[in-house]
Each structure stands twice: as structure tokens, then as C-alpha cells.
N, C-alpha and C. Protein backbone atom coordinates (compact mmCIF):
# COMPACT_ATOMS: atom_id res chain seq x y z
N MET A 1 -16.82 53.19 44.41
CA MET A 1 -16.91 51.86 44.96
C MET A 1 -16.02 51.53 46.11
N LEU A 2 -16.63 50.63 46.98
CA LEU A 2 -15.51 49.85 47.88
C LEU A 2 -15.69 48.48 47.75
N TYR A 3 -14.34 47.77 47.71
CA TYR A 3 -14.29 46.42 47.79
C TYR A 3 -13.26 45.82 48.83
N LEU A 4 -13.96 44.81 49.15
CA LEU A 4 -13.11 43.94 50.07
C LEU A 4 -12.09 43.21 49.76
N GLU A 5 -11.17 42.70 50.61
CA GLU A 5 -10.08 41.82 49.94
C GLU A 5 -10.40 40.78 48.99
N ASN A 6 -11.54 40.01 49.29
CA ASN A 6 -11.99 38.88 48.54
C ASN A 6 -12.79 39.34 47.41
N GLY A 7 -12.73 40.62 46.81
CA GLY A 7 -13.46 41.24 45.70
C GLY A 7 -14.93 41.59 45.88
N SER A 8 -15.56 41.12 46.79
CA SER A 8 -16.98 41.54 46.98
C SER A 8 -17.12 43.10 47.50
N THR A 9 -18.34 43.50 47.35
CA THR A 9 -18.58 44.85 47.62
C THR A 9 -19.78 45.08 48.53
N PRO A 10 -19.36 45.53 49.77
CA PRO A 10 -20.56 45.47 50.82
C PRO A 10 -21.50 46.64 50.55
N HIS A 11 -22.71 46.18 51.16
CA HIS A 11 -23.82 47.31 51.08
C HIS A 11 -23.36 48.62 51.13
N PRO A 12 -23.43 49.58 50.65
CA PRO A 12 -22.87 50.98 50.71
C PRO A 12 -23.62 51.76 52.30
N ARG A 13 -24.69 51.16 52.71
CA ARG A 13 -25.29 51.60 53.75
C ARG A 13 -25.21 50.81 55.05
N MET A 14 -24.14 49.72 54.72
CA MET A 14 -23.67 49.01 56.34
C MET A 14 -22.45 49.88 56.97
N ARG A 15 -23.03 49.58 58.11
CA ARG A 15 -21.72 50.24 59.06
C ARG A 15 -20.30 49.66 59.01
N ILE A 16 -19.65 50.32 58.97
CA ILE A 16 -18.02 50.20 58.82
C ILE A 16 -17.61 49.09 59.74
N ASN A 17 -18.34 49.10 61.01
CA ASN A 17 -17.49 48.19 62.14
C ASN A 17 -18.56 46.74 61.80
N GLU A 18 -19.42 46.94 61.03
CA GLU A 18 -20.12 45.55 60.72
C GLU A 18 -19.25 44.68 59.54
N GLU A 19 -18.69 45.50 58.82
CA GLU A 19 -17.85 44.76 57.64
C GLU A 19 -16.52 44.26 57.85
N PHE A 20 -15.88 45.36 58.65
CA PHE A 20 -14.20 45.42 58.73
C PHE A 20 -13.90 45.04 60.32
N GLY A 21 -13.00 44.31 60.41
CA GLY A 21 -12.19 44.21 61.84
C GLY A 21 -10.66 44.89 61.51
N ASP A 22 -9.99 44.79 62.80
CA ASP A 22 -8.79 45.54 63.01
C ASP A 22 -7.77 44.90 61.85
N GLY A 23 -7.26 45.62 60.94
CA GLY A 23 -6.00 45.01 59.75
C GLY A 23 -6.71 44.97 58.86
N PHE A 24 -7.99 45.06 58.60
CA PHE A 24 -8.81 44.56 56.96
C PHE A 24 -8.33 45.69 55.96
N GLU A 25 -8.04 45.24 55.07
CA GLU A 25 -8.00 45.96 53.98
C GLU A 25 -8.84 46.41 52.85
N CYS A 26 -9.03 47.19 52.17
CA CYS A 26 -10.09 47.45 51.21
C CYS A 26 -9.59 48.50 49.98
N THR A 27 -10.35 48.11 48.88
CA THR A 27 -9.69 48.95 47.67
C THR A 27 -11.03 49.79 47.44
N VAL A 28 -11.00 51.37 47.17
CA VAL A 28 -11.87 52.19 46.97
C VAL A 28 -11.72 52.80 45.35
N THR A 29 -12.56 52.79 44.88
CA THR A 29 -12.36 53.14 43.12
C THR A 29 -13.25 54.45 43.37
N LEU A 30 -13.06 55.55 42.57
CA LEU A 30 -13.78 56.96 42.31
C LEU A 30 -14.36 57.01 41.31
N LYS A 31 -15.60 57.34 41.19
CA LYS A 31 -16.51 57.64 40.14
C LYS A 31 -15.89 58.23 38.92
N ASP A 32 -15.63 57.84 37.65
CA ASP A 32 -15.23 58.49 36.70
C ASP A 32 -16.56 58.73 35.48
N ARG A 33 -16.86 59.90 35.71
CA ARG A 33 -17.92 60.44 34.64
C ARG A 33 -17.46 60.47 33.34
N SER A 34 -16.20 59.88 33.09
CA SER A 34 -16.21 59.71 31.26
C SER A 34 -16.38 58.34 30.83
N LYS A 35 -16.59 57.41 31.77
CA LYS A 35 -16.91 56.07 31.43
C LYS A 35 -18.24 55.58 31.75
N PRO A 36 -19.01 54.96 30.79
CA PRO A 36 -20.14 54.31 31.47
C PRO A 36 -20.12 53.27 32.67
N GLN A 37 -21.00 53.53 33.66
CA GLN A 37 -21.02 52.72 34.76
C GLN A 37 -21.31 51.24 34.32
N THR A 38 -20.70 50.40 35.08
CA THR A 38 -21.20 48.93 35.05
C THR A 38 -22.47 48.86 35.73
N GLU A 39 -22.98 47.52 35.47
CA GLU A 39 -24.51 47.53 36.26
C GLU A 39 -24.43 47.54 37.90
N ASP A 40 -23.11 46.74 38.26
CA ASP A 40 -22.92 46.75 39.84
C ASP A 40 -22.64 48.03 40.33
N GLU A 41 -21.94 48.81 39.35
CA GLU A 41 -21.85 50.23 39.87
C GLU A 41 -22.92 51.16 39.98
N LYS A 42 -24.09 50.99 38.93
CA LYS A 42 -25.20 51.54 39.07
C LYS A 42 -26.03 51.08 40.23
N ARG A 43 -26.04 49.81 40.66
CA ARG A 43 -26.77 49.42 41.83
C ARG A 43 -25.97 50.21 43.00
N TRP A 44 -24.81 50.16 43.14
CA TRP A 44 -24.26 50.58 44.29
C TRP A 44 -24.49 52.06 44.58
N TYR A 45 -24.40 53.01 43.41
CA TYR A 45 -24.95 54.49 43.56
C TYR A 45 -26.13 54.35 43.96
N ASP A 46 -27.11 53.75 43.18
CA ASP A 46 -28.54 53.66 43.44
C ASP A 46 -28.82 53.32 45.03
N GLN A 47 -28.11 52.25 45.61
CA GLN A 47 -28.11 51.93 47.02
C GLN A 47 -27.71 52.87 47.80
N ALA A 48 -26.76 53.62 47.53
CA ALA A 48 -25.86 54.59 48.36
C ALA A 48 -26.88 56.31 48.19
N PHE A 49 -27.38 56.63 47.20
CA PHE A 49 -27.80 57.85 46.89
C PHE A 49 -29.15 58.12 46.32
N GLY A 50 -29.40 56.98 45.50
CA GLY A 50 -30.88 57.11 45.06
C GLY A 50 -32.07 56.49 45.58
N LYS A 51 -32.55 55.86 44.63
CA LYS A 51 -34.12 55.40 45.15
C LYS A 51 -34.15 54.33 46.03
N GLU A 52 -32.96 53.59 46.01
CA GLU A 52 -32.89 52.17 47.08
C GLU A 52 -32.10 52.37 48.38
N ARG A 53 -31.71 53.94 48.50
CA ARG A 53 -31.11 54.14 49.74
C ARG A 53 -31.61 53.98 51.16
N ASN A 54 -32.89 53.84 50.91
CA ASN A 54 -33.49 53.27 52.43
C ASN A 54 -34.44 52.18 52.07
N ILE A 55 -33.66 51.23 51.17
CA ILE A 55 -34.63 49.88 51.13
C ILE A 55 -33.66 49.19 51.56
N MET A 56 -34.12 48.04 52.45
CA MET A 56 -33.58 47.00 53.00
C MET A 56 -34.01 45.43 52.27
N LYS A 57 -33.23 44.45 52.44
CA LYS A 57 -33.51 43.22 51.77
C LYS A 57 -33.46 42.13 52.58
N LEU A 58 -34.43 41.33 53.07
CA LEU A 58 -34.58 40.30 53.92
C LEU A 58 -34.20 38.91 52.74
N ARG A 59 -33.08 38.03 52.94
CA ARG A 59 -33.25 36.78 52.06
C ARG A 59 -33.56 35.84 52.97
N ALA A 60 -34.60 34.86 52.65
CA ALA A 60 -34.78 33.68 53.38
C ALA A 60 -34.44 32.27 52.73
N MET A 61 -34.02 31.17 53.25
CA MET A 61 -33.53 30.20 52.62
C MET A 61 -33.86 29.10 53.73
N TYR A 62 -34.73 27.83 52.94
CA TYR A 62 -34.68 26.88 53.59
C TYR A 62 -34.25 25.59 52.83
N VAL A 63 -33.60 24.70 53.52
CA VAL A 63 -33.41 23.49 52.55
C VAL A 63 -33.90 22.40 53.25
N PRO A 64 -35.06 21.78 52.40
CA PRO A 64 -35.89 20.68 53.21
C PRO A 64 -35.20 19.57 53.72
N THR A 65 -35.85 18.85 54.72
CA THR A 65 -35.21 17.57 55.27
C THR A 65 -36.06 16.68 54.32
N ALA A 66 -35.44 15.40 54.63
CA ALA A 66 -35.48 14.13 53.60
C ALA A 66 -37.08 14.12 53.37
N ASP A 67 -37.83 14.16 54.52
CA ASP A 67 -39.30 13.95 54.61
C ASP A 67 -40.30 15.20 53.90
N ARG A 68 -39.54 16.30 53.42
CA ARG A 68 -40.10 17.24 52.87
C ARG A 68 -39.48 17.67 51.50
N ALA A 69 -38.62 17.17 50.91
CA ALA A 69 -37.92 17.31 49.88
C ALA A 69 -38.88 17.15 48.58
N ARG A 70 -40.13 16.68 48.58
CA ARG A 70 -40.88 16.38 47.22
C ARG A 70 -41.42 17.72 47.13
N GLN A 71 -40.84 18.29 45.86
CA GLN A 71 -41.67 19.66 45.63
C GLN A 71 -42.94 19.57 45.14
N ASN A 72 -43.49 18.45 44.67
CA ASN A 72 -44.75 18.46 44.34
C ASN A 72 -45.60 18.21 45.49
N LYS A 73 -45.38 18.19 46.58
CA LYS A 73 -46.20 17.81 47.91
C LYS A 73 -46.40 19.12 48.85
N TRP A 74 -45.01 19.84 48.87
CA TRP A 74 -45.22 20.65 49.82
C TRP A 74 -44.97 22.33 49.34
N ASP A 75 -45.63 23.06 49.92
CA ASP A 75 -45.32 24.49 49.54
C ASP A 75 -44.68 25.46 50.56
N PHE A 76 -43.79 25.98 50.47
CA PHE A 76 -43.09 26.82 51.47
C PHE A 76 -43.40 28.30 51.65
N PHE A 77 -43.61 28.78 52.62
CA PHE A 77 -43.63 30.51 52.53
C PHE A 77 -42.89 31.09 53.69
N VAL A 78 -42.63 32.58 53.45
CA VAL A 78 -42.20 33.31 54.71
C VAL A 78 -43.48 34.11 55.24
N LYS A 79 -43.61 34.22 56.61
CA LYS A 79 -44.66 35.07 57.05
C LYS A 79 -43.82 36.22 57.75
N LEU A 80 -44.08 37.29 57.56
CA LEU A 80 -43.23 38.42 57.98
C LEU A 80 -44.15 39.46 58.65
N LYS A 81 -43.83 39.75 59.76
CA LYS A 81 -44.44 40.89 60.34
C LYS A 81 -43.74 42.07 60.56
N TYR A 82 -44.34 43.39 60.01
CA TYR A 82 -42.94 44.13 59.53
C TYR A 82 -43.90 45.71 59.79
N SER A 83 -43.14 46.81 60.13
CA SER A 83 -43.55 48.05 60.67
C SER A 83 -42.65 49.23 59.98
N MET A 84 -42.80 49.73 59.08
CA MET A 84 -41.85 51.01 58.60
C MET A 84 -41.67 51.96 59.63
N PHE A 85 -40.17 52.51 59.43
CA PHE A 85 -40.07 53.54 60.42
C PHE A 85 -40.78 54.67 60.05
N PRO A 86 -41.47 55.55 61.02
CA PRO A 86 -42.35 56.55 60.94
C PRO A 86 -41.59 57.56 59.83
N GLU A 87 -40.22 57.98 60.20
CA GLU A 87 -39.76 59.14 59.25
C GLU A 87 -39.56 59.05 57.96
N LEU A 88 -39.97 57.55 57.41
CA LEU A 88 -39.95 57.51 56.03
C LEU A 88 -41.43 57.62 55.57
N ALA A 89 -42.28 58.03 55.95
CA ALA A 89 -43.70 57.87 55.83
C ALA A 89 -44.11 59.01 54.55
N ASP A 90 -43.19 60.08 54.42
CA ASP A 90 -43.20 60.85 53.16
C ASP A 90 -42.69 60.23 52.05
N GLU A 91 -41.48 59.60 52.24
CA GLU A 91 -40.75 59.01 51.08
C GLU A 91 -41.54 57.72 50.44
N PHE A 92 -42.19 57.23 51.53
CA PHE A 92 -43.14 55.90 50.93
C PHE A 92 -44.52 55.73 51.39
N PRO A 93 -45.47 56.90 51.07
CA PRO A 93 -46.91 56.99 51.22
C PRO A 93 -47.81 55.72 51.39
N GLN A 94 -47.12 55.01 50.36
CA GLN A 94 -48.25 53.71 50.25
C GLN A 94 -47.98 52.91 51.26
N PRO A 95 -48.95 52.47 52.39
CA PRO A 95 -48.88 51.75 53.23
C PRO A 95 -48.64 50.11 53.11
N PHE A 96 -47.83 49.55 53.83
CA PHE A 96 -47.47 48.27 53.80
C PHE A 96 -48.18 47.36 54.89
N LYS A 97 -48.61 46.01 54.53
CA LYS A 97 -49.33 45.26 55.24
C LYS A 97 -48.18 44.89 56.79
N TYR A 98 -48.93 44.87 57.39
CA TYR A 98 -48.32 44.76 58.68
C TYR A 98 -47.54 43.11 58.81
N GLU A 99 -48.85 42.32 58.10
CA GLU A 99 -48.04 40.83 58.16
C GLU A 99 -48.49 40.41 56.92
N THR A 100 -47.14 39.78 56.06
CA THR A 100 -47.24 39.41 54.83
C THR A 100 -47.02 37.97 54.71
N ILE A 101 -47.52 37.28 53.85
CA ILE A 101 -47.27 35.92 53.79
C ILE A 101 -46.77 35.68 52.02
N VAL A 102 -45.37 35.29 52.15
CA VAL A 102 -44.83 35.29 50.57
C VAL A 102 -44.50 33.91 50.10
N PRO A 103 -44.86 33.26 49.21
CA PRO A 103 -44.50 31.80 48.64
C PRO A 103 -43.00 31.67 48.34
N MET A 104 -42.34 30.84 48.67
CA MET A 104 -40.79 30.81 48.62
C MET A 104 -40.61 30.03 46.85
N ASN A 105 -39.45 30.26 46.39
CA ASN A 105 -39.25 29.76 45.05
C ASN A 105 -38.29 28.59 45.31
N HIS A 106 -38.19 27.57 44.44
CA HIS A 106 -37.05 26.48 44.71
C HIS A 106 -36.33 26.56 43.50
N ASP A 107 -35.05 25.83 44.02
CA ASP A 107 -34.05 26.04 43.27
C ASP A 107 -32.98 24.89 43.57
N TYR A 108 -31.96 24.69 42.71
CA TYR A 108 -31.04 23.40 43.16
C TYR A 108 -29.77 24.09 43.13
N ASP A 109 -28.68 23.45 44.03
CA ASP A 109 -27.56 24.03 44.10
C ASP A 109 -26.58 23.21 43.11
N ASP A 110 -25.19 23.33 43.38
CA ASP A 110 -24.32 22.65 42.07
C ASP A 110 -24.41 21.02 42.26
N GLU A 111 -25.00 20.41 43.22
CA GLU A 111 -25.09 19.24 43.60
C GLU A 111 -26.12 18.73 43.53
N GLU A 112 -27.09 19.59 42.88
CA GLU A 112 -28.77 19.08 42.66
C GLU A 112 -29.52 19.00 43.98
N ASN A 113 -29.18 19.42 44.64
CA ASN A 113 -29.75 19.57 46.02
C ASN A 113 -30.92 20.45 46.06
N MET A 114 -31.98 20.24 46.45
CA MET A 114 -33.27 20.97 46.16
C MET A 114 -33.18 22.11 47.65
N PHE A 115 -33.48 23.31 47.26
CA PHE A 115 -33.67 24.51 48.46
C PHE A 115 -34.66 25.53 47.70
N PHE A 116 -35.22 25.91 48.81
CA PHE A 116 -36.43 27.16 48.53
C PHE A 116 -35.62 28.66 49.33
N GLU A 117 -35.72 29.42 48.44
CA GLU A 117 -35.45 30.85 48.94
C GLU A 117 -36.63 32.01 48.32
N ILE A 118 -36.50 33.09 49.21
CA ILE A 118 -37.09 34.25 48.80
C ILE A 118 -36.28 35.67 48.96
N GLU A 119 -36.51 36.73 48.25
CA GLU A 119 -35.82 38.05 48.77
C GLU A 119 -36.97 38.97 48.59
N ILE A 120 -37.25 39.49 49.97
CA ILE A 120 -37.97 40.60 50.03
C ILE A 120 -37.69 42.15 50.40
N GLU A 121 -38.14 42.88 49.84
CA GLU A 121 -37.50 44.35 49.96
C GLU A 121 -38.67 45.06 50.54
N ARG A 122 -38.21 45.79 51.43
CA ARG A 122 -38.89 47.01 52.15
C ARG A 122 -38.16 47.89 52.69
N PRO A 123 -38.77 48.93 52.74
CA PRO A 123 -38.24 50.30 53.23
C PRO A 123 -37.80 50.11 54.71
N TYR A 124 -36.81 50.74 54.97
CA TYR A 124 -36.22 50.62 56.41
C TYR A 124 -37.39 50.68 57.70
N GLY A 125 -37.45 49.55 58.26
CA GLY A 125 -38.30 49.40 59.40
C GLY A 125 -37.94 48.52 60.40
N LYS A 126 -39.15 47.83 61.08
CA LYS A 126 -38.59 46.86 62.08
C LYS A 126 -39.56 45.58 61.49
N ILE A 127 -38.52 44.57 61.57
CA ILE A 127 -38.99 43.25 61.51
C ILE A 127 -39.27 42.35 62.90
N GLU A 128 -40.57 42.50 63.09
CA GLU A 128 -41.06 42.08 64.42
C GLU A 128 -41.09 40.58 64.38
N GLU A 129 -41.53 39.77 63.29
CA GLU A 129 -41.39 38.13 63.18
C GLU A 129 -41.15 37.93 61.94
N ARG A 130 -40.45 36.94 61.67
CA ARG A 130 -39.94 36.32 60.57
C ARG A 130 -39.88 34.86 60.50
N VAL A 131 -40.64 34.02 59.99
CA VAL A 131 -40.87 32.73 60.09
C VAL A 131 -40.95 31.82 58.94
N ILE A 132 -40.97 30.58 58.91
CA ILE A 132 -41.28 29.88 57.59
C ILE A 132 -42.17 28.79 57.78
N CYS A 133 -42.89 28.97 56.86
CA CYS A 133 -44.38 27.85 57.15
C CYS A 133 -44.32 26.91 56.03
N TYR A 134 -44.91 25.82 56.15
CA TYR A 134 -45.08 24.82 55.08
C TYR A 134 -46.80 24.41 54.95
N ARG A 135 -46.99 23.78 53.87
CA ARG A 135 -48.26 23.47 53.66
C ARG A 135 -48.33 22.41 52.80
N ASN A 136 -49.31 21.26 53.18
CA ASN A 136 -49.23 19.97 52.30
C ASN A 136 -50.06 20.54 51.11
N ASN A 137 -49.68 20.57 49.96
CA ASN A 137 -50.52 20.90 48.70
C ASN A 137 -51.22 19.36 48.08
N SER A 138 -50.97 18.56 48.47
CA SER A 138 -51.40 17.19 47.82
C SER A 138 -52.74 16.63 48.50
N VAL A 139 -53.16 17.60 49.22
CA VAL A 139 -54.44 17.44 49.89
C VAL A 139 -55.19 18.44 49.40
N ALA A 140 -56.85 17.98 49.68
CA ALA A 140 -57.79 19.15 49.24
C ALA A 140 -57.91 20.26 50.25
N GLU A 141 -58.25 21.65 49.66
CA GLU A 141 -58.18 22.73 50.60
C GLU A 141 -59.24 22.63 51.79
N ASP A 142 -60.30 21.69 51.64
CA ASP A 142 -60.94 21.58 52.75
C ASP A 142 -60.47 20.36 53.82
N ASP A 143 -59.40 20.02 53.40
CA ASP A 143 -58.73 18.87 54.54
C ASP A 143 -57.95 19.47 55.47
N PRO A 144 -58.24 19.25 56.80
CA PRO A 144 -57.36 19.90 57.88
C PRO A 144 -55.57 19.73 57.62
N ALA A 145 -55.24 18.79 57.25
CA ALA A 145 -53.78 18.73 56.62
C ALA A 145 -53.59 19.88 55.74
N TYR A 146 -54.42 20.68 55.20
CA TYR A 146 -53.99 21.71 54.05
C TYR A 146 -53.55 22.82 54.75
N GLU A 147 -53.72 23.15 56.04
CA GLU A 147 -53.66 24.30 56.98
C GLU A 147 -52.18 24.59 57.07
N MET A 148 -51.69 25.78 56.85
CA MET A 148 -50.30 26.15 56.77
C MET A 148 -49.92 26.12 58.27
N LYS A 149 -48.78 25.72 58.54
CA LYS A 149 -48.14 25.44 59.84
C LYS A 149 -46.79 26.14 59.72
N GLU A 150 -46.59 26.62 61.12
CA GLU A 150 -44.81 26.98 60.98
C GLU A 150 -44.12 25.78 61.43
N PHE A 151 -42.85 25.94 61.21
CA PHE A 151 -41.75 25.10 61.52
C PHE A 151 -41.33 25.27 63.01
N THR A 152 -41.37 24.28 63.65
CA THR A 152 -41.35 24.40 65.20
C THR A 152 -40.20 23.25 65.73
N ASP A 153 -39.93 22.35 64.86
CA ASP A 153 -38.99 21.03 65.22
C ASP A 153 -37.51 21.53 64.90
N ALA A 154 -36.57 21.26 65.96
CA ALA A 154 -35.18 21.54 65.74
C ALA A 154 -34.45 21.07 64.36
N ALA A 155 -34.85 20.15 63.81
CA ALA A 155 -34.17 19.66 62.64
C ALA A 155 -34.62 20.37 61.67
N SER A 156 -35.52 20.96 61.17
CA SER A 156 -36.19 21.84 60.34
C SER A 156 -35.60 23.54 60.57
N LEU A 157 -35.43 23.88 61.71
CA LEU A 157 -35.03 25.23 62.17
C LEU A 157 -33.68 25.41 61.74
N LYS A 158 -32.83 24.20 62.05
CA LYS A 158 -31.59 24.39 61.40
C LYS A 158 -31.00 24.47 60.01
N GLN A 159 -32.14 24.17 59.12
CA GLN A 159 -32.22 24.22 57.76
C GLN A 159 -32.73 25.92 57.53
N ILE A 160 -32.73 26.55 58.24
CA ILE A 160 -33.56 27.92 58.05
C ILE A 160 -32.72 28.89 57.95
N THR A 161 -32.36 29.96 57.26
CA THR A 161 -31.56 31.03 57.46
C THR A 161 -32.07 32.21 57.02
N PHE A 162 -31.93 33.39 57.73
CA PHE A 162 -32.25 34.70 57.52
C PHE A 162 -31.08 35.75 57.03
N ASP A 163 -31.21 36.29 56.50
CA ASP A 163 -30.11 37.31 56.18
C ASP A 163 -30.62 38.51 55.60
N LEU A 164 -30.37 39.93 56.85
CA LEU A 164 -31.11 41.18 56.31
C LEU A 164 -30.00 42.13 56.11
N GLU A 165 -29.97 42.88 54.81
CA GLU A 165 -29.04 43.88 54.53
C GLU A 165 -29.60 45.14 53.81
N PRO A 166 -29.38 46.29 54.30
CA PRO A 166 -28.33 46.54 55.32
C PRO A 166 -29.13 46.25 56.76
N GLN A 167 -28.54 46.38 57.96
CA GLN A 167 -29.34 46.47 59.19
C GLN A 167 -29.78 48.16 59.41
N PRO A 168 -31.10 47.88 59.49
CA PRO A 168 -31.69 49.48 59.50
C PRO A 168 -31.75 49.85 60.78
N ILE A 169 -31.54 51.09 61.02
CA ILE A 169 -31.23 52.14 62.17
C ILE A 169 -32.44 53.18 61.90
N SER A 170 -33.46 53.28 63.02
CA SER A 170 -34.13 54.20 62.91
C SER A 170 -33.77 55.51 63.43
N ALA A 171 -34.49 56.62 62.94
CA ALA A 171 -33.91 57.95 63.48
C ALA A 171 -33.86 58.11 65.04
N GLU A 172 -34.96 57.44 65.64
CA GLU A 172 -34.96 57.62 67.06
C GLU A 172 -33.55 56.53 67.78
N ASP A 173 -33.61 55.52 67.25
CA ASP A 173 -32.41 54.74 67.75
C ASP A 173 -30.94 55.39 67.47
N GLN A 174 -30.87 55.89 66.00
CA GLN A 174 -29.72 56.48 65.80
C GLN A 174 -29.33 57.78 66.80
N LYS A 175 -30.37 58.53 67.13
CA LYS A 175 -30.53 59.72 68.19
C LYS A 175 -29.91 59.22 69.53
N GLU A 176 -30.58 57.98 70.05
CA GLU A 176 -29.91 57.46 71.34
C GLU A 176 -28.53 56.76 71.04
N ARG A 177 -28.06 56.50 70.09
CA ARG A 177 -26.56 55.93 69.76
C ARG A 177 -25.70 57.03 69.95
N ASP A 178 -26.14 58.00 69.25
CA ASP A 178 -25.27 59.23 69.11
C ASP A 178 -25.39 60.19 70.42
N LEU A 179 -26.05 59.92 71.41
CA LEU A 179 -26.11 60.73 72.91
C LEU A 179 -25.39 59.82 73.55
N GLN A 180 -25.60 58.35 73.46
CA GLN A 180 -24.57 57.57 74.24
C GLN A 180 -23.05 57.47 74.09
N GLU A 181 -23.17 57.83 72.55
CA GLU A 181 -21.35 58.04 72.13
C GLU A 181 -20.92 59.28 72.60
N GLU A 182 -21.80 60.17 72.52
CA GLU A 182 -21.36 61.72 73.05
C GLU A 182 -20.93 61.73 74.65
N ASN A 183 -22.00 60.86 75.56
CA ASN A 183 -21.77 60.64 76.76
C ASN A 183 -20.24 59.85 76.96
N GLU A 184 -20.03 58.80 76.40
CA GLU A 184 -18.94 58.17 76.65
C GLU A 184 -17.61 58.92 76.27
N ASN A 185 -17.79 59.68 75.13
CA ASN A 185 -16.74 60.45 74.80
C ASN A 185 -16.47 61.57 75.83
N ARG A 186 -17.43 62.20 76.44
CA ARG A 186 -17.57 63.03 77.64
C ARG A 186 -16.65 62.53 78.93
N GLU A 187 -17.18 61.20 79.03
CA GLU A 187 -16.62 60.65 80.07
C GLU A 187 -15.06 60.11 79.88
N ARG A 188 -14.76 59.84 78.67
CA ARG A 188 -13.18 59.70 78.60
C ARG A 188 -12.47 60.69 78.78
N GLU A 189 -12.98 61.87 78.26
CA GLU A 189 -12.20 63.33 78.26
C GLU A 189 -11.97 63.55 79.75
N GLN A 190 -13.27 63.37 80.37
CA GLN A 190 -13.30 63.81 81.95
C GLN A 190 -12.12 63.07 82.79
N LYS A 191 -11.89 61.61 82.42
CA LYS A 191 -10.73 60.92 83.16
C LYS A 191 -9.65 61.05 82.56
N ALA A 192 -9.46 61.74 81.48
CA ALA A 192 -8.14 62.11 80.69
C ALA A 192 -7.70 63.46 81.59
N ARG A 193 -8.68 64.03 81.47
CA ARG A 193 -8.41 65.45 82.43
C ARG A 193 -8.00 65.04 83.94
N GLU A 194 -8.67 64.33 84.55
CA GLU A 194 -8.58 63.93 86.02
C GLU A 194 -6.93 63.23 86.00
N THR A 195 -6.71 62.46 85.05
CA THR A 195 -5.43 61.88 84.92
C THR A 195 -4.20 62.77 85.06
N GLN A 196 -4.50 63.67 84.18
CA GLN A 196 -3.62 64.75 83.94
C GLN A 196 -3.36 65.71 84.94
N ILE A 197 -4.32 66.01 85.49
CA ILE A 197 -4.37 66.62 86.98
C ILE A 197 -3.57 66.03 87.94
N LYS A 198 -3.76 64.82 88.03
CA LYS A 198 -2.99 64.08 89.03
C LYS A 198 -1.41 63.98 88.54
N LEU A 199 -1.39 63.89 87.58
CA LEU A 199 0.31 63.79 86.88
C LEU A 199 0.78 64.97 87.17
N GLU A 200 -0.09 66.30 86.99
CA GLU A 200 0.71 67.29 87.22
C GLU A 200 0.99 67.39 88.88
N GLU A 201 -0.08 67.07 89.27
CA GLU A 201 -0.07 67.28 91.23
C GLU A 201 1.29 66.63 91.71
N GLU A 202 1.32 65.24 90.97
CA GLU A 202 2.66 64.47 91.39
C GLU A 202 3.88 65.18 90.82
N LYS A 203 4.10 65.76 89.88
CA LYS A 203 5.01 66.43 89.45
C LYS A 203 5.38 67.55 90.52
N ALA A 204 4.44 68.26 90.81
CA ALA A 204 4.56 69.39 91.61
C ALA A 204 5.21 68.58 93.00
N ARG A 205 4.35 67.70 93.49
CA ARG A 205 4.94 67.37 94.65
C ARG A 205 6.59 66.73 94.52
N LEU A 206 6.96 66.15 93.67
CA LEU A 206 8.17 65.92 93.70
C LEU A 206 9.23 66.75 93.42
N ARG A 207 9.01 67.78 92.74
CA ARG A 207 9.79 69.30 92.73
C ARG A 207 10.04 69.85 94.20
N ALA A 208 8.64 69.83 94.82
CA ALA A 208 8.59 70.44 96.49
C ALA A 208 9.56 69.60 97.11
N GLU A 209 9.53 68.46 96.93
CA GLU A 209 10.54 67.60 97.76
C GLU A 209 12.00 67.57 97.48
N GLN A 210 12.31 67.80 96.37
CA GLN A 210 13.63 68.27 95.87
C GLN A 210 14.20 69.61 96.42
N GLN A 211 13.43 70.47 96.58
CA GLN A 211 13.75 71.82 96.76
C GLN A 211 14.02 71.98 98.55
């Protein structure tokens, strides 16, 4: 396993440059088969090599503004539009709905402030839309005020956070990245050769002038 300086463990499928900056330090521990794994170690190896290796997790949180802080009046939901990467169809043959609406759960922080959150797991794929919606549950279902609506006001949008881990990359996008990196390396090598040729030519010119 890998630990950052603050003791946290990044997701094993996260790209190194997304977790580390220049000069960052980390601690790496090797698997000891003679000792039982902790729950954290089991989860890490499962995410790296097991059944969760191609699973991403979307965390959504909403801290309600004062006018929507009454839990018994408002319900909150995450509306998700998602499509799985096609290369995972054999591993996950059960299709997922393109659009899903998931209710959020309420909780309290250390200062007893209410917030709503939900974690949604999906195979690696593209999230085309993710929004938080609200509904007034204190009115009858046939009341127009019961209709689910998306947050659009700036004050509420500031109270919403989304976090996706790890950041998925499709096989097609990875192929494009690899090709771009190969082209960039080829260009750097070509420039280095040209620079070396110019340097050798300059040395030859100086030797000729000295003769």
C-alpha cells in the first residue's frame, strides 16, 4: 500500500500526477502474506486488483441554505446521466440506466449542522450530467409545488460539492493520450538530435578556424 505524508491512502487507480507534486514524499508497504490483512488493506487490494478495480465512486454533498434546512419539509436527490465505457460490457453485462435519480441521506457535522450526502458507485464510464434536485414533501403529490426541481440559484450551487474517485479514462482516451505522449517524446528526441548536430557543426567550424 501507499501512504501520503498526511497518512491518507490514495485510490490505487489514481494517476500519480493527480496525487503528488514535486518534492512530495510517501511511504510504501509491501504485502506480508504471513499476516492477516486489515480492512483498509483488503479494500485497497480489491480496488487495485479485485472486483472493484474498474469501479468509480461519485460522492455528492449538499449543505442546505437556511430556507431549506427543515428536514421534514424537503427531500433532496442526485440526478445522474451516465454511460459505461463500452470495453467493460463483458465484465458488467447488466445494463445501467442512462438517467438515475437517487435520494440523498441527511446527517450532522460536529457542530450539529445538517447536510445531505450520497455515494454512488458505477463501473468506469462517462458522467454526462450530475445535478442535485429538491422537492417539497410537505404538500400533496398532486400539488404543483411537489414537482422535483433542479437547483439553479447561486447561493444553493455554492453549497453543492461533487467528488469522483478515481477519475476514469476510457480505452479510447488512453490510446489518444499514449499517442500524444509518443509524439511529444518523438519531437523532443528530434529537437535534441538537431541541437546535438548544430553543436557538432559549431565545434567543427571552430576547429577549422584554429587550423
